Amino acid sequence: MLPAFTKEPILPDTVVESSIQQACRIIDEAEYLLIAAGAGMSTDAGIDYTDTKQFGDIFPSLAKQGFRCRYDLTGYDGWDLETKWGYVALCAYHDFFSTEGDSGYLQLLQIAEQKDYFVVTSNVDGMFYRNHFKADKICLVLK
């Protein structure tokens, strides 16, 4: 059973603020910046693999079969070829053409461009490319 979430902060605001200030100072003083990013960046940009409503809107036939979100299909091997490639094509279309640039990526780019940076990501949605990070500074890790 998951713990109940409360609206009470886990850490006092002063500790959080101090930690943010310390992180900003460290980044500001750094010569190099390694950005390691995963699903949180994509979710913030509107690509959410846990969103059941979005899944039902994009993939109604799969929702009728009992799948609730994209994560339900991770590792799924019961596809017929037409459905599998239809799913892959719709994912690509949605992720690459139905979402726009994202302010979180653009803010990160403003910081990164001041440094010698490199991005390591597992995100296959192309958001780093679409938000103007240099292609030779991005490493996509799939496994």
N, C-alpha and C. Protein backbone atom coordinates (compact mmCIF):
# COMPACT_ATOMS: atom_id res chain seq x y z
N MET A 1 0.84 -1.18 0.00
CA MET A 1 0.00 0.00 0.00
C MET A 1 0.88 1.24 0.00
N LEU A 2 0.55 2.20 -0.85
CA LEU A 2 1.32 3.43 -0.93
C LEU A 2 1.03 4.33 0.27
N PRO A 3 2.02 5.10 0.69
CA PRO A 3 1.77 6.02 1.80
C PRO A 3 0.81 7.12 1.36
N ALA A 4 0.06 7.62 2.30
CA ALA A 4 -0.87 8.71 2.00
C ALA A 4 -0.08 9.99 1.74
N PHE A 5 -0.48 10.74 0.74
CA PHE A 5 0.18 12.00 0.44
C PHE A 5 -0.50 13.11 1.24
N THR A 6 0.29 14.01 1.74
CA THR A 6 -0.25 15.14 2.48
C THR A 6 0.20 16.41 1.77
N LYS A 7 -0.41 17.49 2.14
CA LYS A 7 -0.02 18.78 1.58
C LYS A 7 1.10 19.42 2.40
N GLU A 8 1.47 18.77 3.47
CA GLU A 8 2.54 19.28 4.32
C GLU A 8 3.88 19.05 3.63
N PRO A 9 4.74 20.06 3.60
CA PRO A 9 6.06 19.88 2.99
C PRO A 9 6.89 18.88 3.78
N ILE A 10 7.71 18.13 3.08
CA ILE A 10 8.59 17.16 3.72
C ILE A 10 9.74 17.88 4.42
N LEU A 11 10.24 18.92 3.77
CA LEU A 11 11.33 19.71 4.33
C LEU A 11 10.85 21.13 4.56
N PRO A 12 11.38 21.79 5.56
CA PRO A 12 11.01 23.21 5.76
C PRO A 12 11.44 24.04 4.56
N ASP A 13 10.68 25.10 4.28
CA ASP A 13 10.99 25.98 3.14
C ASP A 13 12.42 26.50 3.19
N THR A 14 12.94 26.78 4.38
CA THR A 14 14.29 27.32 4.49
C THR A 14 15.33 26.31 4.00
N VAL A 15 15.11 25.03 4.27
CA VAL A 15 16.04 23.99 3.82
C VAL A 15 15.97 23.86 2.30
N VAL A 16 14.76 23.87 1.74
CA VAL A 16 14.59 23.78 0.30
C VAL A 16 15.23 24.97 -0.38
N GLU A 17 14.96 26.17 0.11
CA GLU A 17 15.52 27.38 -0.48
C GLU A 17 17.05 27.36 -0.41
N SER A 18 17.60 26.94 0.70
CA SER A 18 19.05 26.86 0.86
C SER A 18 19.64 25.85 -0.13
N SER A 19 18.97 24.72 -0.31
CA SER A 19 19.46 23.69 -1.25
C SER A 19 19.42 24.20 -2.68
N ILE A 20 18.37 24.90 -3.03
CA ILE A 20 18.26 25.47 -4.39
C ILE A 20 19.36 26.49 -4.62
N GLN A 21 19.58 27.34 -3.65
CA GLN A 21 20.64 28.35 -3.78
C GLN A 21 22.01 27.68 -3.92
N GLN A 22 22.25 26.63 -3.15
CA GLN A 22 23.52 25.92 -3.23
C GLN A 22 23.68 25.27 -4.61
N ALA A 23 22.62 24.64 -5.14
CA ALA A 23 22.67 24.02 -6.46
C ALA A 23 22.94 25.08 -7.53
N CYS A 24 22.29 26.22 -7.43
CA CYS A 24 22.51 27.30 -8.41
C CYS A 24 23.96 27.77 -8.38
N ARG A 25 24.53 27.91 -7.19
CA ARG A 25 25.92 28.35 -7.05
C ARG A 25 26.87 27.32 -7.68
N ILE A 26 26.63 26.05 -7.42
CA ILE A 26 27.49 24.99 -7.97
C ILE A 26 27.42 24.98 -9.50
N ILE A 27 26.22 25.09 -10.05
CA ILE A 27 26.06 25.13 -11.51
C ILE A 27 26.72 26.37 -12.08
N ASP A 28 26.53 27.49 -11.43
CA ASP A 28 27.11 28.75 -11.91
C ASP A 28 28.64 28.69 -11.95
N GLU A 29 29.23 28.01 -10.98
CA GLU A 29 30.69 27.93 -10.91
C GLU A 29 31.28 26.82 -11.77
N ALA A 30 30.44 25.91 -12.25
CA ALA A 30 30.93 24.76 -13.01
C ALA A 30 31.35 25.16 -14.42
N GLU A 31 32.36 24.49 -14.92
CA GLU A 31 32.80 24.68 -16.30
C GLU A 31 32.02 23.76 -17.24
N TYR A 32 31.68 22.57 -16.73
CA TYR A 32 30.97 21.55 -17.51
C TYR A 32 29.63 21.25 -16.85
N LEU A 33 28.68 20.84 -17.67
CA LEU A 33 27.35 20.50 -17.14
C LEU A 33 26.88 19.21 -17.81
N LEU A 34 26.64 18.18 -17.01
CA LEU A 34 26.07 16.93 -17.50
C LEU A 34 24.61 16.90 -17.10
N ILE A 35 23.74 16.81 -18.10
CA ILE A 35 22.30 16.78 -17.87
C ILE A 35 21.83 15.34 -18.06
N ALA A 36 21.28 14.75 -17.03
CA ALA A 36 20.71 13.40 -17.11
C ALA A 36 19.20 13.56 -16.91
N ALA A 37 18.43 13.22 -17.93
CA ALA A 37 17.00 13.48 -17.88
C ALA A 37 16.21 12.26 -18.29
N GLY A 38 15.08 12.09 -17.64
CA GLY A 38 14.18 10.98 -17.94
C GLY A 38 12.75 11.46 -18.09
N ALA A 39 11.83 10.62 -17.70
CA ALA A 39 10.41 10.83 -17.97
C ALA A 39 9.83 12.12 -17.39
N GLY A 40 10.40 12.63 -16.32
CA GLY A 40 9.86 13.84 -15.72
C GLY A 40 9.85 15.03 -16.66
N MET A 41 10.90 15.16 -17.45
CA MET A 41 10.96 16.26 -18.42
C MET A 41 9.86 16.11 -19.46
N SER A 42 9.64 14.91 -19.95
CA SER A 42 8.59 14.69 -20.96
C SER A 42 7.20 14.89 -20.36
N THR A 43 7.00 14.41 -19.15
CA THR A 43 5.70 14.57 -18.50
C THR A 43 5.37 16.04 -18.35
N ASP A 44 6.34 16.83 -17.93
CA ASP A 44 6.13 18.26 -17.78
C ASP A 44 5.78 18.91 -19.11
N ALA A 45 6.27 18.33 -20.21
CA ALA A 45 6.01 18.87 -21.55
C ALA A 45 4.70 18.34 -22.15
N GLY A 46 3.99 17.47 -21.41
CA GLY A 46 2.70 16.98 -21.88
C GLY A 46 2.72 15.57 -22.45
N ILE A 47 3.83 14.87 -22.34
CA ILE A 47 3.92 13.49 -22.81
C ILE A 47 3.97 12.60 -21.57
N ASP A 48 2.82 12.10 -21.19
CA ASP A 48 2.69 11.39 -19.92
C ASP A 48 2.29 9.95 -20.18
N TYR A 49 3.20 9.01 -19.92
CA TYR A 49 2.94 7.59 -20.17
C TYR A 49 2.02 6.96 -19.13
N THR A 50 1.63 7.74 -18.10
CA THR A 50 0.69 7.23 -17.09
C THR A 50 -0.69 7.85 -17.23
N ASP A 51 -0.88 8.77 -18.16
CA ASP A 51 -2.14 9.49 -18.31
C ASP A 51 -3.20 8.61 -18.97
N THR A 52 -4.18 8.18 -18.20
CA THR A 52 -5.20 7.27 -18.71
C THR A 52 -6.16 7.98 -19.66
N LYS A 53 -6.48 9.24 -19.41
CA LYS A 53 -7.39 9.97 -20.30
C LYS A 53 -6.73 10.18 -21.67
N GLN A 54 -5.49 10.66 -21.66
CA GLN A 54 -4.78 10.87 -22.91
C GLN A 54 -4.66 9.56 -23.69
N PHE A 55 -4.36 8.48 -22.98
CA PHE A 55 -4.25 7.17 -23.64
C PHE A 55 -5.57 6.79 -24.30
N GLY A 56 -6.68 6.95 -23.58
CA GLY A 56 -7.99 6.62 -24.14
C GLY A 56 -8.35 7.47 -25.34
N ASP A 57 -7.93 8.74 -25.33
CA ASP A 57 -8.20 9.64 -26.46
C ASP A 57 -7.38 9.26 -27.70
N ILE A 58 -6.12 8.90 -27.49
CA ILE A 58 -5.23 8.60 -28.62
C ILE A 58 -5.39 7.16 -29.11
N PHE A 59 -5.63 6.24 -28.18
CA PHE A 59 -5.67 4.81 -28.50
C PHE A 59 -6.98 4.18 -28.02
N PRO A 60 -8.13 4.61 -28.54
CA PRO A 60 -9.40 4.10 -28.02
C PRO A 60 -9.57 2.59 -28.20
N SER A 61 -9.06 2.02 -29.28
CA SER A 61 -9.22 0.57 -29.47
C SER A 61 -8.40 -0.22 -28.45
N LEU A 62 -7.24 0.30 -28.08
CA LEU A 62 -6.43 -0.37 -27.06
C LEU A 62 -7.06 -0.21 -25.68
N ALA A 63 -7.66 0.94 -25.43
CA ALA A 63 -8.35 1.16 -24.15
C ALA A 63 -9.52 0.19 -24.02
N LYS A 64 -10.22 -0.08 -25.12
CA LYS A 64 -11.34 -1.02 -25.10
C LYS A 64 -10.87 -2.44 -24.79
N GLN A 65 -9.59 -2.72 -25.08
CA GLN A 65 -9.03 -4.04 -24.79
C GLN A 65 -8.53 -4.15 -23.34
N GLY A 66 -8.66 -3.06 -22.58
CA GLY A 66 -8.29 -3.10 -21.16
C GLY A 66 -6.98 -2.42 -20.80
N PHE A 67 -6.25 -1.94 -21.78
CA PHE A 67 -5.03 -1.20 -21.47
C PHE A 67 -5.43 0.19 -20.98
N ARG A 68 -4.72 0.71 -19.99
CA ARG A 68 -5.10 1.98 -19.38
C ARG A 68 -4.17 3.13 -19.72
N CYS A 69 -2.89 2.82 -19.97
CA CYS A 69 -1.91 3.86 -20.26
C CYS A 69 -0.75 3.24 -21.03
N ARG A 70 0.14 4.08 -21.52
CA ARG A 70 1.26 3.57 -22.31
C ARG A 70 2.15 2.62 -21.53
N TYR A 71 2.31 2.89 -20.23
CA TYR A 71 3.15 1.99 -19.44
C TYR A 71 2.58 0.58 -19.39
N ASP A 72 1.29 0.42 -19.55
CA ASP A 72 0.70 -0.92 -19.59
C ASP A 72 1.25 -1.73 -20.76
N LEU A 73 1.71 -1.06 -21.79
CA LEU A 73 2.19 -1.75 -22.99
C LEU A 73 3.71 -1.94 -23.01
N THR A 74 4.38 -1.46 -21.98
CA THR A 74 5.83 -1.66 -21.90
C THR A 74 6.12 -3.15 -21.76
N GLY A 75 6.86 -3.69 -22.72
CA GLY A 75 7.20 -5.11 -22.71
C GLY A 75 6.10 -6.02 -23.21
N TYR A 76 4.99 -5.46 -23.63
CA TYR A 76 3.87 -6.27 -24.11
C TYR A 76 4.28 -6.97 -25.42
N ASP A 77 4.02 -8.28 -25.52
CA ASP A 77 4.42 -9.01 -26.72
C ASP A 77 3.25 -9.74 -27.39
N GLY A 78 2.04 -9.36 -27.05
CA GLY A 78 0.88 -10.01 -27.65
C GLY A 78 0.32 -9.29 -28.87
N TRP A 79 1.15 -8.51 -29.53
CA TRP A 79 0.72 -7.71 -30.67
C TRP A 79 0.54 -8.55 -31.93
N ASP A 80 -0.41 -8.15 -32.78
CA ASP A 80 -0.32 -8.53 -34.19
C ASP A 80 0.45 -7.37 -34.84
N LEU A 81 1.10 -7.62 -35.96
CA LEU A 81 2.00 -6.62 -36.55
C LEU A 81 1.30 -5.30 -36.89
N GLU A 82 0.08 -5.36 -37.40
CA GLU A 82 -0.62 -4.13 -37.79
C GLU A 82 -0.88 -3.25 -36.57
N THR A 83 -1.33 -3.87 -35.47
CA THR A 83 -1.61 -3.10 -34.26
C THR A 83 -0.33 -2.55 -33.65
N LYS A 84 0.72 -3.36 -33.63
CA LYS A 84 1.99 -2.91 -33.07
C LYS A 84 2.51 -1.68 -33.81
N TRP A 85 2.56 -1.76 -35.14
CA TRP A 85 3.11 -0.63 -35.90
C TRP A 85 2.16 0.55 -35.92
N GLY A 86 0.87 0.30 -35.82
CA GLY A 86 -0.08 1.40 -35.69
C GLY A 86 0.15 2.14 -34.37
N TYR A 87 0.37 1.38 -33.31
CA TYR A 87 0.64 1.98 -32.00
C TYR A 87 1.94 2.79 -32.04
N VAL A 88 2.99 2.20 -32.60
CA VAL A 88 4.27 2.90 -32.69
C VAL A 88 4.12 4.18 -33.50
N ALA A 89 3.41 4.12 -34.63
CA ALA A 89 3.22 5.29 -35.48
C ALA A 89 2.43 6.38 -34.76
N LEU A 90 1.37 6.00 -34.06
CA LEU A 90 0.58 7.00 -33.33
C LEU A 90 1.39 7.61 -32.19
N CYS A 91 2.20 6.81 -31.51
CA CYS A 91 3.07 7.35 -30.46
C CYS A 91 4.02 8.38 -31.06
N ALA A 92 4.67 8.02 -32.16
CA ALA A 92 5.61 8.93 -32.80
C ALA A 92 4.91 10.21 -33.24
N TYR A 93 3.75 10.06 -33.87
CA TYR A 93 3.01 11.23 -34.32
C TYR A 93 2.68 12.13 -33.14
N HIS A 94 2.11 11.55 -32.09
CA HIS A 94 1.74 12.35 -30.93
C HIS A 94 2.96 13.02 -30.30
N ASP A 95 4.01 12.26 -30.06
CA ASP A 95 5.16 12.79 -29.34
C ASP A 95 5.94 13.81 -30.16
N PHE A 96 6.05 13.61 -31.46
CA PHE A 96 6.86 14.50 -32.27
C PHE A 96 6.09 15.66 -32.89
N PHE A 97 4.80 15.47 -33.16
CA PHE A 97 4.07 16.50 -33.89
C PHE A 97 2.91 17.12 -33.12
N SER A 98 2.43 16.48 -32.08
CA SER A 98 1.28 17.02 -31.36
C SER A 98 1.68 17.75 -30.09
N THR A 99 2.95 17.78 -29.77
CA THR A 99 3.43 18.53 -28.62
C THR A 99 4.37 19.61 -29.13
N GLU A 100 4.41 20.70 -28.41
CA GLU A 100 5.24 21.82 -28.83
C GLU A 100 6.48 21.91 -27.96
N GLY A 101 7.29 22.91 -28.24
CA GLY A 101 8.44 23.17 -27.38
C GLY A 101 7.97 23.41 -25.96
N ASP A 102 8.84 23.24 -25.02
CA ASP A 102 8.46 23.31 -23.62
C ASP A 102 9.35 24.29 -22.87
N SER A 103 8.73 25.09 -22.01
CA SER A 103 9.48 26.12 -21.29
C SER A 103 10.53 25.50 -20.36
N GLY A 104 10.28 24.32 -19.80
CA GLY A 104 11.27 23.67 -18.95
C GLY A 104 12.53 23.34 -19.71
N TYR A 105 12.38 22.81 -20.91
CA TYR A 105 13.53 22.51 -21.76
C TYR A 105 14.25 23.81 -22.16
N LEU A 106 13.48 24.82 -22.50
CA LEU A 106 14.08 26.08 -22.94
C LEU A 106 14.82 26.76 -21.80
N GLN A 107 14.29 26.68 -20.58
CA GLN A 107 15.00 27.24 -19.43
C GLN A 107 16.29 26.47 -19.18
N LEU A 108 16.23 25.16 -19.29
CA LEU A 108 17.42 24.33 -19.11
C LEU A 108 18.45 24.65 -20.19
N LEU A 109 18.00 24.88 -21.41
CA LEU A 109 18.91 25.23 -22.50
C LEU A 109 19.62 26.55 -22.22
N GLN A 110 18.92 27.52 -21.67
CA GLN A 110 19.55 28.80 -21.34
C GLN A 110 20.71 28.61 -20.37
N ILE A 111 20.55 27.71 -19.41
CA ILE A 111 21.62 27.42 -18.47
C ILE A 111 22.73 26.64 -19.17
N ALA A 112 22.34 25.62 -19.94
CA ALA A 112 23.32 24.74 -20.59
C ALA A 112 24.20 25.48 -21.58
N GLU A 113 23.64 26.41 -22.32
CA GLU A 113 24.42 27.12 -23.34
C GLU A 113 25.54 27.97 -22.76
N GLN A 114 25.49 28.21 -21.48
CA GLN A 114 26.55 28.99 -20.83
C GLN A 114 27.74 28.11 -20.42
N LYS A 115 27.58 26.79 -20.63
CA LYS A 115 28.59 25.82 -20.21
C LYS A 115 28.97 24.92 -21.38
N ASP A 116 29.97 24.11 -21.16
CA ASP A 116 30.24 23.00 -22.06
C ASP A 116 29.35 21.87 -21.53
N TYR A 117 28.24 21.60 -22.22
CA TYR A 117 27.24 20.67 -21.69
C TYR A 117 27.13 19.40 -22.52
N PHE A 118 26.52 18.39 -21.91
CA PHE A 118 26.19 17.14 -22.59
C PHE A 118 24.94 16.58 -21.94
N VAL A 119 24.06 16.01 -22.76
CA VAL A 119 22.79 15.45 -22.29
C VAL A 119 22.80 13.94 -22.45
N VAL A 120 22.43 13.24 -21.40
CA VAL A 120 22.20 11.79 -21.45
C VAL A 120 20.73 11.61 -21.08
N THR A 121 19.96 10.98 -21.98
CA THR A 121 18.53 10.86 -21.74
C THR A 121 18.01 9.51 -22.23
N SER A 122 16.94 9.07 -21.61
CA SER A 122 16.23 7.88 -22.08
C SER A 122 14.94 8.27 -22.80
N ASN A 123 14.71 9.56 -22.95
CA ASN A 123 13.49 10.05 -23.58
C ASN A 123 13.59 9.94 -25.10
N VAL A 124 12.67 9.18 -25.68
CA VAL A 124 12.67 8.97 -27.13
C VAL A 124 11.77 9.96 -27.86
N ASP A 125 11.26 10.95 -27.15
CA ASP A 125 10.28 11.87 -27.72
C ASP A 125 10.90 13.01 -28.53
N GLY A 126 12.20 13.14 -28.54
CA GLY A 126 12.85 14.17 -29.35
C GLY A 126 12.76 15.58 -28.78
N MET A 127 12.33 15.72 -27.54
CA MET A 127 12.13 17.05 -26.98
C MET A 127 13.43 17.84 -26.84
N PHE A 128 14.53 17.19 -26.57
CA PHE A 128 15.80 17.94 -26.50
C PHE A 128 16.14 18.51 -27.87
N TYR A 129 15.94 17.73 -28.92
CA TYR A 129 16.20 18.21 -30.29
C TYR A 129 15.25 19.35 -30.64
N ARG A 130 13.96 19.16 -30.35
CA ARG A 130 12.97 20.18 -30.73
C ARG A 130 13.10 21.45 -29.93
N ASN A 131 13.80 21.40 -28.83
CA ASN A 131 14.00 22.59 -28.01
C ASN A 131 15.41 23.14 -28.18
N HIS A 132 16.05 22.78 -29.31
CA HIS A 132 17.28 23.41 -29.80
C HIS A 132 18.56 23.04 -29.07
N PHE A 133 18.56 21.90 -28.34
CA PHE A 133 19.83 21.40 -27.84
C PHE A 133 20.59 20.86 -29.05
N LYS A 134 21.90 21.00 -29.06
CA LYS A 134 22.70 20.56 -30.20
C LYS A 134 22.71 19.03 -30.27
N ALA A 135 22.47 18.51 -31.47
CA ALA A 135 22.37 17.06 -31.66
C ALA A 135 23.63 16.32 -31.22
N ASP A 136 24.80 16.92 -31.45
CA ASP A 136 26.04 16.25 -31.06
C ASP A 136 26.32 16.32 -29.56
N LYS A 137 25.41 16.93 -28.82
CA LYS A 137 25.54 17.03 -27.37
C LYS A 137 24.49 16.18 -26.66
N ILE A 138 23.80 15.31 -27.42
CA ILE A 138 22.74 14.47 -26.86
C ILE A 138 23.08 13.01 -27.07
N CYS A 139 22.98 12.21 -26.00
CA CYS A 139 23.14 10.77 -26.09
C CYS A 139 21.82 10.14 -25.63
N LEU A 140 21.19 9.40 -26.52
CA LEU A 140 19.95 8.69 -26.21
C LEU A 140 20.29 7.28 -25.77
N VAL A 141 19.96 6.95 -24.53
CA VAL A 141 20.25 5.64 -23.97
C VAL A 141 18.96 4.85 -23.97
N LEU A 142 18.93 3.73 -24.71
CA LEU A 142 17.70 2.94 -24.82
C LEU A 142 17.73 1.72 -23.89
N LYS A 143 18.86 1.21 -23.55
CA LYS A 143 18.96 0.07 -22.63
C LYS A 143 20.14 0.22 -21.73
